[in-house]
PDB file of N, CA and C in Angstrom:
ATOM      1  N   MET A   1       4.346   7.466  31.437  1.00  0.00           N
ATOM      2  CA  MET A   1       4.315   6.100  30.984  1.00  0.00           C
ATOM      3  C   MET A   1       3.182   5.306  31.633  1.00  0.00           C
ATOM      4  N   ASP A   2       2.526   5.853  32.605  1.00  0.00           N
ATOM      5  CA  ASP A   2       1.441   5.133  33.264  1.00  0.00           C
ATOM      6  C   ASP A   2       0.224   4.985  32.348  1.00  0.00           C
ATOM      7  N   ASN A   3       0.082   5.886  31.365  1.00  0.00           N
ATOM      8  CA  ASN A   3      -1.078   5.859  30.478  1.00  0.00           C
ATOM      9  C   ASN A   3      -0.962   4.808  29.379  1.00  0.00           C
ATOM     10  N   TYR A   4       0.192   4.243  29.176  1.00  0.00           N
ATOM     11  CA  TYR A   4       0.419   3.295  28.083  1.00  0.00           C
ATOM     12  C   TYR A   4       0.510   1.879  28.622  1.00  0.00           C
ATOM     13  N   LYS A   5      -0.103   0.970  27.889  1.00  0.00           N
ATOM     14  CA  LYS A   5      -0.033  -0.434  28.249  1.00  0.00           C
ATOM     15  C   LYS A   5       1.153  -1.063  27.538  1.00  0.00           C
ATOM     16  N   LYS A   6       1.871  -1.883  28.227  1.00  0.00           N
ATOM     17  CA  LYS A   6       3.037  -2.538  27.641  1.00  0.00           C
ATOM     18  C   LYS A   6       2.579  -3.597  26.638  1.00  0.00           C
ATOM     19  N   VAL A   7       3.205  -3.597  25.477  1.00  0.00           N
ATOM     20  CA  VAL A   7       2.883  -4.577  24.453  1.00  0.00           C
ATOM     21  C   VAL A   7       3.446  -5.923  24.874  1.00  0.00           C
ATOM     22  N   GLU A   8       2.579  -6.906  24.946  1.00  0.00           N
ATOM     23  CA  GLU A   8       2.990  -8.225  25.420  1.00  0.00           C
ATOM     24  C   GLU A   8       3.070  -9.237  24.286  1.00  0.00           C
ATOM     25  N   MET A   9       3.207  -8.760  23.074  1.00  0.00           N
ATOM     26  CA  MET A   9       3.335  -9.651  21.926  1.00  0.00           C
ATOM     27  C   MET A   9       4.704  -9.437  21.299  1.00  0.00           C
ATOM     28  N   SER A  10       5.241 -10.485  20.725  1.00  0.00           N
ATOM     29  CA  SER A  10       6.526 -10.365  20.051  1.00  0.00           C
ATOM     30  C   SER A  10       6.323  -9.668  18.708  1.00  0.00           C
ATOM     31  N   ARG A  11       7.417  -9.231  18.121  1.00  0.00           N
ATOM     32  CA  ARG A  11       7.321  -8.566  16.815  1.00  0.00           C
ATOM     33  C   ARG A  11       6.739  -9.499  15.766  1.00  0.00           C
ATOM     34  N   LYS A  12       7.107 -10.762  15.835  1.00  0.00           N
ATOM     35  CA  LYS A  12       6.598 -11.738  14.871  1.00  0.00           C
ATOM     36  C   LYS A  12       5.081 -11.866  15.000  1.00  0.00           C
ATOM     37  N   GLN A  13       4.579 -11.917  16.217  1.00  0.00           N
ATOM     38  CA  GLN A  13       3.134 -12.019  16.433  1.00  0.00           C
ATOM     39  C   GLN A  13       2.417 -10.763  15.935  1.00  0.00           C
ATOM     40  N   ILE A  14       3.025  -9.613  16.155  1.00  0.00           N
ATOM     41  CA  ILE A  14       2.422  -8.361  15.693  1.00  0.00           C
ATOM     42  C   ILE A  14       2.366  -8.326  14.170  1.00  0.00           C
ATOM     43  N   ILE A  15       3.462  -8.734  13.512  1.00  0.00           N
ATOM     44  CA  ILE A  15       3.507  -8.729  12.049  1.00  0.00           C
ATOM     45  C   ILE A  15       2.481  -9.708  11.486  1.00  0.00           C
ATOM     46  N   VAL A  16       2.413 -10.914  12.025  1.00  0.00           N
ATOM     47  CA  VAL A  16       1.454 -11.910  11.550  1.00  0.00           C
ATOM     48  C   VAL A  16       0.033 -11.420  11.773  1.00  0.00           C
ATOM     49  N   ASN A  17      -0.227 -10.839  12.939  1.00  0.00           N
ATOM     50  CA  ASN A  17      -1.554 -10.326  13.254  1.00  0.00           C
ATOM     51  C   ASN A  17      -1.959  -9.222  12.275  1.00  0.00           C
ATOM     52  N   ASN A  18      -1.060  -8.289  11.993  1.00  0.00           N
ATOM     53  CA  ASN A  18      -1.365  -7.205  11.066  1.00  0.00           C
ATOM     54  C   ASN A  18      -1.502  -7.711   9.635  1.00  0.00           C
ATOM     55  N   PHE A  19      -0.706  -8.708   9.251  1.00  0.00           N
ATOM     56  CA  PHE A  19      -0.793  -9.289   7.917  1.00  0.00           C
ATOM     57  C   PHE A  19      -2.149  -9.957   7.710  1.00  0.00           C
ATOM     58  N   ILE A  20      -2.562 -10.758   8.672  1.00  0.00           N
ATOM     59  CA  ILE A  20      -3.864 -11.430   8.579  1.00  0.00           C
ATOM     60  C   ILE A  20      -4.991 -10.399   8.588  1.00  0.00           C
ATOM     61  N   GLY A  21      -4.857  -9.359   9.393  1.00  0.00           N
ATOM     62  CA  GLY A  21      -5.856  -8.300   9.417  1.00  0.00           C
ATOM     63  C   GLY A  21      -5.947  -7.581   8.078  1.00  0.00           C
ATOM     64  N   GLY A  22      -4.814  -7.342   7.438  1.00  0.00           N
ATOM     65  CA  GLY A  22      -4.805  -6.689   6.131  1.00  0.00           C
ATOM     66  C   GLY A  22      -5.439  -7.543   5.052  1.00  0.00           C
ATOM     67  N   ILE A  23      -5.153  -8.840   5.076  1.00  0.00           N
ATOM     68  CA  ILE A  23      -5.776  -9.755   4.119  1.00  0.00           C
ATOM     69  C   ILE A  23      -7.290  -9.792   4.335  1.00  0.00           C
ATOM     70  N   SER A  24      -7.716  -9.841   5.581  1.00  0.00           N
ATOM     71  CA  SER A  24      -9.147  -9.865   5.887  1.00  0.00           C
ATOM     72  C   SER A  24      -9.825  -8.587   5.437  1.00  0.00           C
ATOM     73  N   TRP A  25      -9.185  -7.459   5.654  1.00  0.00           N
ATOM     74  CA  TRP A  25      -9.754  -6.174   5.237  1.00  0.00           C
ATOM     75  C   TRP A  25      -9.884  -6.128   3.719  1.00  0.00           C
ATOM     76  N   GLY A  26      -8.850  -6.541   3.010  1.00  0.00           N
ATOM     77  CA  GLY A  26      -8.886  -6.531   1.547  1.00  0.00           C
ATOM     78  C   GLY A  26      -9.935  -7.475   0.994  1.00  0.00           C
ATOM     79  N   LEU A  27     -10.055  -8.659   1.575  1.00  0.00           N
ATOM     80  CA  LEU A  27     -11.057  -9.621   1.133  1.00  0.00           C
ATOM     81  C   LEU A  27     -12.468  -9.092   1.399  1.00  0.00           C
ATOM     82  N   GLY A  28     -12.660  -8.491   2.551  1.00  0.00           N
ATOM     83  CA  GLY A  28     -13.970  -7.920   2.874  1.00  0.00           C
ATOM     84  C   GLY A  28     -14.340  -6.774   1.947  1.00  0.00           C
ATOM     85  N   ALA A  29     -13.362  -5.927   1.621  1.00  0.00           N
ATOM     86  CA  ALA A  29     -13.618  -4.826   0.697  1.00  0.00           C
ATOM     87  C   ALA A  29     -13.963  -5.344  -0.695  1.00  0.00           C
ATOM     88  N   THR A  30     -13.284  -6.392  -1.135  1.00  0.00           N
ATOM     89  CA  THR A  30     -13.548  -6.975  -2.453  1.00  0.00           C
ATOM     90  C   THR A  30     -14.938  -7.597  -2.510  1.00  0.00           C
ATOM     91  N   ILE A  31     -15.286  -8.355  -1.495  1.00  0.00           N
ATOM     92  CA  ILE A  31     -16.614  -8.989  -1.465  1.00  0.00           C
ATOM     93  C   ILE A  31     -17.701  -7.919  -1.370  1.00  0.00           C
ATOM     94  N   GLY A  32     -17.480  -6.914  -0.543  1.00  0.00           N
ATOM     95  CA  GLY A  32     -18.455  -5.830  -0.422  1.00  0.00           C
ATOM     96  C   GLY A  32     -18.653  -5.082  -1.725  1.00  0.00           C
ATOM     97  N   LEU A  33     -17.567  -4.801  -2.422  1.00  0.00           N
ATOM     98  CA  LEU A  33     -17.668  -4.115  -3.712  1.00  0.00           C
ATOM     99  C   LEU A  33     -18.393  -4.976  -4.729  1.00  0.00           C
ATOM    100  N   ALA A  34     -18.128  -6.270  -4.738  1.00  0.00           N
ATOM    101  CA  ALA A  34     -18.816  -7.173  -5.664  1.00  0.00           C
ATOM    102  C   ALA A  34     -20.318  -7.190  -5.405  1.00  0.00           C
ATOM    103  N   ILE A  35     -20.703  -7.203  -4.146  1.00  0.00           N
ATOM    104  CA  ILE A  35     -22.134  -7.198  -3.805  1.00  0.00           C
ATOM    105  C   ILE A  35     -22.777  -5.888  -4.233  1.00  0.00           C
ATOM    106  N   ILE A  36     -22.117  -4.771  -3.950  1.00  0.00           N
ATOM    107  CA  ILE A  36     -22.664  -3.458  -4.321  1.00  0.00           C
ATOM    108  C   ILE A  36     -22.786  -3.329  -5.839  1.00  0.00           C
ATOM    109  N   LEU A  37     -21.774  -3.776  -6.576  1.00  0.00           N
ATOM    110  CA  LEU A  37     -21.841  -3.703  -8.040  1.00  0.00           C
ATOM    111  C   LEU A  37     -22.931  -4.611  -8.601  1.00  0.00           C
ATOM    112  N   ALA A  38     -23.115  -5.772  -7.994  1.00  0.00           N
ATOM    113  CA  ALA A  38     -24.179  -6.670  -8.452  1.00  0.00           C
ATOM    114  C   ALA A  38     -25.550  -6.038  -8.236  1.00  0.00           C
ATOM    115  N   ILE A  39     -25.762  -5.446  -7.069  1.00  0.00           N
ATOM    116  CA  ILE A  39     -27.042  -4.786  -6.792  1.00  0.00           C
ATOM    117  C   ILE A  39     -27.243  -3.594  -7.718  1.00  0.00           C
ATOM    118  N   LEU A  40     -26.195  -2.807  -7.931  1.00  0.00           N
ATOM    119  CA  LEU A  40     -26.279  -1.659  -8.823  1.00  0.00           C
ATOM    120  C   LEU A  40     -26.592  -2.098 -10.249  1.00  0.00           C
ATOM    121  N   THR A  41     -25.989  -3.188 -10.698  1.00  0.00           N
ATOM    122  CA  THR A  41     -26.259  -3.704 -12.038  1.00  0.00           C
ATOM    123  C   THR A  41     -27.708  -4.146 -12.171  1.00  0.00           C
ATOM    124  N   LEU A  42     -28.222  -4.819 -11.163  1.00  0.00           N
ATOM    125  CA  LEU A  42     -29.618  -5.251 -11.207  1.00  0.00           C
ATOM    126  C   LEU A  42     -30.572  -4.063 -11.237  1.00  0.00           C
ATOM    127  N   VAL A  43     -30.273  -3.042 -10.453  1.00  0.00           N
ATOM    128  CA  VAL A  43     -31.130  -1.854 -10.428  1.00  0.00           C
ATOM    129  C   VAL A  43     -31.087  -1.137 -11.770  1.00  0.00           C
ATOM    130  N   LEU A  44     -29.891  -0.959 -12.322  1.00  0.00           N
ATOM    131  CA  LEU A  44     -29.785  -0.276 -13.613  1.00  0.00           C
ATOM    132  C   LEU A  44     -30.398  -1.091 -14.741  1.00  0.00           C
ATOM    133  N   LYS A  45     -30.375  -2.394 -14.604  1.00  0.00           N
ATOM    134  CA  LYS A  45     -30.981  -3.265 -15.612  1.00  0.00           C
ATOM    135  C   LYS A  45     -32.496  -3.065 -15.641  1.00  0.00           C
ATOM    136  N   THR A  46     -33.094  -2.912 -14.489  1.00  0.00           N
ATOM    137  CA  THR A  46     -34.546  -2.740 -14.422  1.00  0.00           C
ATOM    138  C   THR A  46     -34.969  -1.326 -14.793  1.00  0.00           C
ATOM    139  N   VAL A  47     -34.100  -0.341 -14.561  1.00  0.00           N
ATOM    140  CA  VAL A  47     -34.443   1.049 -14.870  1.00  0.00           C
ATOM    141  C   VAL A  47     -34.370   1.295 -16.371  1.00  0.00           C
ATOM    142  N   ASN A  48     -33.517   0.542 -17.072  1.00  0.00           N
ATOM    143  CA  ASN A  48     -33.379   0.625 -18.523  1.00  0.00           C
ATOM    144  C   ASN A  48     -32.864   1.998 -18.965  1.00  0.00           C
ATOM    145  N   LEU A  49     -31.725   2.395 -18.432  1.00  0.00           N
ATOM    146  CA  LEU A  49     -31.100   3.665 -18.798  1.00  0.00           C
ATOM    147  C   LEU A  49     -30.206   3.558 -20.028  1.00  0.00           C
ATOM    148  N   VAL A  50     -29.988   2.380 -20.524  1.00  0.00           N
ATOM    149  CA  VAL A  50     -29.051   2.194 -21.630  1.00  0.00           C
ATOM    150  C   VAL A  50     -29.465   2.975 -22.876  1.00  0.00           C
ATOM    151  N   PRO A  51     -30.735   2.983 -23.286  1.00  0.00           N
ATOM    152  CA  PRO A  51     -31.090   3.790 -24.459  1.00  0.00           C
ATOM    153  C   PRO A  51     -30.812   5.282 -24.262  1.00  0.00           C
ATOM    154  N   LEU A  52     -31.027   5.780 -23.063  1.00  0.00           N
ATOM    155  CA  LEU A  52     -30.766   7.197 -22.802  1.00  0.00           C
ATOM    156  C   LEU A  52     -29.274   7.505 -22.917  1.00  0.00           C
ATOM    157  N   VAL A  53     -28.454   6.633 -22.369  1.00  0.00           N
ATOM    158  CA  VAL A  53     -27.009   6.829 -22.430  1.00  0.00           C
ATOM    159  C   VAL A  53     -26.528   6.699 -23.875  1.00  0.00           C
ATOM    160  N   GLY A  54     -27.083   5.738 -24.612  1.00  0.00           N
ATOM    161  CA  GLY A  54     -26.708   5.546 -26.006  1.00  0.00           C
ATOM    162  C   GLY A  54     -27.067   6.749 -26.861  1.00  0.00           C
ATOM    163  N   ASP A  55     -28.257   7.307 -26.658  1.00  0.00           N
ATOM    164  CA  ASP A  55     -28.665   8.503 -27.399  1.00  0.00           C
ATOM    165  C   ASP A  55     -27.760   9.683 -27.073  1.00  0.00           C
ATOM    166  N   PHE A  56     -27.424   9.831 -25.811  1.00  0.00           N
ATOM    167  CA  PHE A  56     -26.544  10.923 -25.399  1.00  0.00           C
ATOM    168  C   PHE A  56     -25.171  10.786 -26.040  1.00  0.00           C
ATOM    169  N   ALA A  57     -24.626   9.568 -26.045  1.00  0.00           N
ATOM    170  CA  ALA A  57     -23.319   9.337 -26.649  1.00  0.00           C
ATOM    171  C   ALA A  57     -23.364   9.606 -28.153  1.00  0.00           C
ATOM    172  N   ALA A  58     -24.460   9.227 -28.807  1.00  0.00           N
ATOM    173  CA  ALA A  58     -24.594   9.478 -30.247  1.00  0.00           C
ATOM    174  C   ALA A  58     -24.647  10.979 -30.526  1.00  0.00           C
ATOM    175  N   LYS A  59     -25.372  11.726 -29.716  1.00  0.00           N
ATOM    176  CA  LYS A  59     -25.453  13.178 -29.903  1.00  0.00           C
ATOM    177  C   LYS A  59     -24.092  13.833 -29.698  1.00  0.00           C
ATOM    178  N   VAL A  60     -23.363  13.390 -28.694  1.00  0.00           N
ATOM    179  CA  VAL A  60     -22.032  13.940 -28.443  1.00  0.00           C
ATOM    180  C   VAL A  60     -21.110  13.622 -29.613  1.00  0.00           C
ATOM    181  N   SER A  61     -21.197  12.414 -30.139  1.00  0.00           N
ATOM    182  CA  SER A  61     -20.366  12.015 -31.274  1.00  0.00           C
ATOM    183  C   SER A  61     -20.675  12.858 -32.509  1.00  0.00           C
ATOM    184  N   VAL A  62     -21.949  13.065 -32.800  1.00  0.00           N
ATOM    185  CA  VAL A  62     -22.341  13.891 -33.949  1.00  0.00           C
ATOM    186  C   VAL A  62     -21.881  15.323 -33.754  1.00  0.00           C
ATOM    187  N   TYR A  63     -22.058  15.846 -32.567  1.00  0.00           N
ATOM    188  CA  TYR A  63     -21.661  17.226 -32.279  1.00  0.00           C
ATOM    189  C   TYR A  63     -20.157  17.422 -32.469  1.00  0.00           C
ATOM    190  N   THR A  64     -19.374  16.480 -31.939  1.00  0.00           N
ATOM    191  CA  THR A  64     -17.921  16.635 -32.048  1.00  0.00           C
ATOM    192  C   THR A  64     -17.437  16.462 -33.487  1.00  0.00           C
ATOM    193  N   THR A  65     -18.051  15.567 -34.244  1.00  0.00           N
ATOM    194  CA  THR A  65     -17.620  15.411 -35.642  1.00  0.00           C
ATOM    195  C   THR A  65     -18.014  16.609 -36.480  1.00  0.00           C
ATOM    196  N   GLN A  66     -19.146  17.242 -36.192  1.00  0.00           N
ATOM    197  CA  GLN A  66     -19.556  18.432 -36.925  1.00  0.00           C
ATOM    198  C   GLN A  66     -18.639  19.608 -36.612  1.00  0.00           C
ATOM    199  N   LYS A  67     -18.243  19.749 -35.371  1.00  0.00           N
ATOM    200  CA  LYS A  67     -17.411  20.885 -34.959  1.00  0.00           C
ATOM    201  C   LYS A  67     -15.978  20.727 -35.469  1.00  0.00           C
ATOM    202  N   THR A  68     -15.487  19.512 -35.547  1.00  0.00           N
ATOM    203  CA  THR A  68     -14.104  19.320 -35.980  1.00  0.00           C
ATOM    204  C   THR A  68     -13.963  19.336 -37.506  1.00  0.00           C
ATOM    205  N   SER A  69     -15.047  19.081 -38.227  1.00  0.00           N
ATOM    206  CA  SER A  69     -14.939  19.055 -39.689  1.00  0.00           C
ATOM    207  C   SER A  69     -15.065  20.446 -40.316  1.00  0.00           C
ATOM    208  N   LYS A  70     -15.437  21.448 -39.543  1.00  0.00           N
ATOM    209  CA  LYS A  70     -15.578  22.813 -40.086  1.00  0.00           C
ATOM    210  C   LYS A  70     -14.272  23.522 -40.201  1.00  0.00           C
TER     211      LYS A  70
END
């Protein structure tokens, strides 16, 4: 027992502390994800990959309709 420090907080203080910590973690994760998605959107907007993705989707659609109609 010498290796462990005695907890000097009440259960209520521990619960409130963990609750506030959880809210802070969730808020930080949400803000971080929003920033990352915004940067990713800006990068993809400048790269102009939409026509490539659209052509690929059209080819897949044509391929699947040809294979299923036979």
